[in-house]
Amino acid sequence: MAAEALTVLETPGLEALFGPEAFAEAPVAAILGDRVVQGRIDRLLIAADHVQFIDFKTSLRIP
């Protein structure tokens, strides 16, 4: 698991997601039709010209 984490941290283009301007465990919500959907995004960066986010998934399989 540590090797996988280091691979993500070293991926070109993702540096800003782990910098001081990014949010960790950012709460998000949206209205879809008549439903409210909410959750947390692992990393979120809101820049002047773009929004970048990443949500990690483990390889854990739930039966």
C-alpha atoms as a PDB file:
ATOM      1  CA  MET A   1       0.000   0.000   0.000  1.00  0.00           C
ATOM      2  CA  ALA A   2       2.853   2.404   0.764  1.00  0.00           C
ATOM      3  CA  ALA A   3       4.304   1.847  -2.703  1.00  0.00           C
ATOM      4  CA  GLU A   4       0.927   2.692  -4.269  1.00  0.00           C
ATOM      5  CA  ALA A   5       0.713   5.890  -2.214  1.00  0.00           C
ATOM      6  CA  LEU A   6       4.208   6.963  -3.265  1.00  0.00           C
ATOM      7  CA  THR A   7       3.327   6.306  -6.904  1.00  0.00           C
ATOM      8  CA  VAL A   8       0.394   8.724  -6.630  1.00  0.00           C
ATOM      9  CA  LEU A   9       2.494  11.358  -4.860  1.00  0.00           C
ATOM     10  CA  GLU A  10       5.133  11.151  -7.609  1.00  0.00           C
ATOM     11  CA  THR A  11       2.676  11.291 -10.536  1.00  0.00           C
ATOM     12  CA  PRO A  12       3.406  14.308 -12.760  1.00  0.00           C
ATOM     13  CA  GLY A  13       0.542  16.790 -12.775  1.00  0.00           C
ATOM     14  CA  LEU A  14      -0.794  15.900  -9.331  1.00  0.00           C
ATOM     15  CA  GLU A  15       1.675  17.947  -7.271  1.00  0.00           C
ATOM     16  CA  ALA A  16      -0.766  20.804  -6.653  1.00  0.00           C
ATOM     17  CA  LEU A  17      -3.360  18.412  -5.205  1.00  0.00           C
ATOM     18  CA  PHE A  18      -0.967  17.731  -2.338  1.00  0.00           C
ATOM     19  CA  GLY A  19       0.192  21.335  -1.888  1.00  0.00           C
ATOM     20  CA  PRO A  20      -0.880  23.933   0.679  1.00  0.00           C
ATOM     21  CA  GLU A  21      -3.663  25.372  -1.524  1.00  0.00           C
ATOM     22  CA  ALA A  22      -5.521  22.042  -1.805  1.00  0.00           C
ATOM     23  CA  PHE A  23      -8.232  20.808   0.521  1.00  0.00           C
ATOM     24  CA  ALA A  24      -8.120  17.344   2.120  1.00  0.00           C
ATOM     25  CA  GLU A  25     -11.342  15.422   2.813  1.00  0.00           C
ATOM     26  CA  ALA A  26     -13.394  18.189   1.211  1.00  0.00           C
ATOM     27  CA  PRO A  27     -17.150  17.927   1.789  1.00  0.00           C
ATOM     28  CA  VAL A  28     -19.227  18.215  -1.400  1.00  0.00           C
ATOM     29  CA  ALA A  29     -22.950  18.236  -2.117  1.00  0.00           C
ATOM     30  CA  ALA A  30     -25.153  18.528  -5.181  1.00  0.00           C
ATOM     31  CA  ILE A  31     -28.835  18.468  -6.005  1.00  0.00           C
ATOM     32  CA  LEU A  32     -29.702  15.886  -8.660  1.00  0.00           C
ATOM     33  CA  GLY A  33     -33.344  16.133  -9.552  1.00  0.00           C
ATOM     34  CA  ASP A  34     -35.181  15.899  -6.249  1.00  0.00           C
ATOM     35  CA  ARG A  35     -32.288  14.283  -4.372  1.00  0.00           C
ATOM     36  CA  VAL A  36     -29.367  15.703  -2.434  1.00  0.00           C
ATOM     37  CA  VAL A  37     -26.146  13.776  -2.945  1.00  0.00           C
ATOM     38  CA  GLN A  38     -23.280  14.401  -0.555  1.00  0.00           C
ATOM     39  CA  GLY A  39     -19.905  12.979   0.286  1.00  0.00           C
ATOM     40  CA  ARG A  40     -16.227  13.753   0.709  1.00  0.00           C
ATOM     41  CA  ILE A  41     -13.507  14.080  -1.911  1.00  0.00           C
ATOM     42  CA  ASP A  42     -10.046  13.032  -0.785  1.00  0.00           C
ATOM     43  CA  ARG A  43      -8.222  15.989  -2.397  1.00  0.00           C
ATOM     44  CA  LEU A  44      -9.693  19.135  -3.993  1.00  0.00           C
ATOM     45  CA  LEU A  45      -7.954  22.078  -5.646  1.00  0.00           C
ATOM     46  CA  ILE A  46      -9.869  25.138  -6.863  1.00  0.00           C
ATOM     47  CA  ALA A  47      -7.641  27.272  -9.092  1.00  0.00           C
ATOM     48  CA  ALA A  48      -8.430  30.442 -11.031  1.00  0.00           C
ATOM     49  CA  ASP A  49      -8.835  28.548 -14.291  1.00  0.00           C
ATOM     50  CA  HIS A  50      -9.732  24.981 -13.280  1.00  0.00           C
ATOM     51  CA  VAL A  51     -10.911  22.607 -10.586  1.00  0.00           C
ATOM     52  CA  GLN A  52      -8.980  19.417  -9.913  1.00  0.00           C
ATOM     53  CA  PHE A  53      -9.981  16.583  -7.615  1.00  0.00           C
ATOM     54  CA  ILE A  54      -9.053  13.029  -6.777  1.00  0.00           C
ATOM     55  CA  ASP A  55     -10.953  10.433  -4.797  1.00  0.00           C
ATOM     56  CA  PHE A  56      -8.987   7.337  -3.869  1.00  0.00           C
ATOM     57  CA  LYS A  57     -10.479   3.870  -3.816  1.00  0.00           C
ATOM     58  CA  THR A  58      -8.934   0.898  -2.116  1.00  0.00           C
ATOM     59  CA  SER A  59      -8.744  -2.498  -3.719  1.00  0.00           C
ATOM     60  CA  LEU A  60     -10.856  -3.860  -0.867  1.00  0.00           C
ATOM     61  CA  ARG A  61     -13.764  -5.941  -2.144  1.00  0.00           C
ATOM     62  CA  ILE A  62     -16.926  -6.027  -0.097  1.00  0.00           C
ATOM     63  CA  PRO A  63     -18.775  -9.336  -0.482  1.00  0.00           C
END
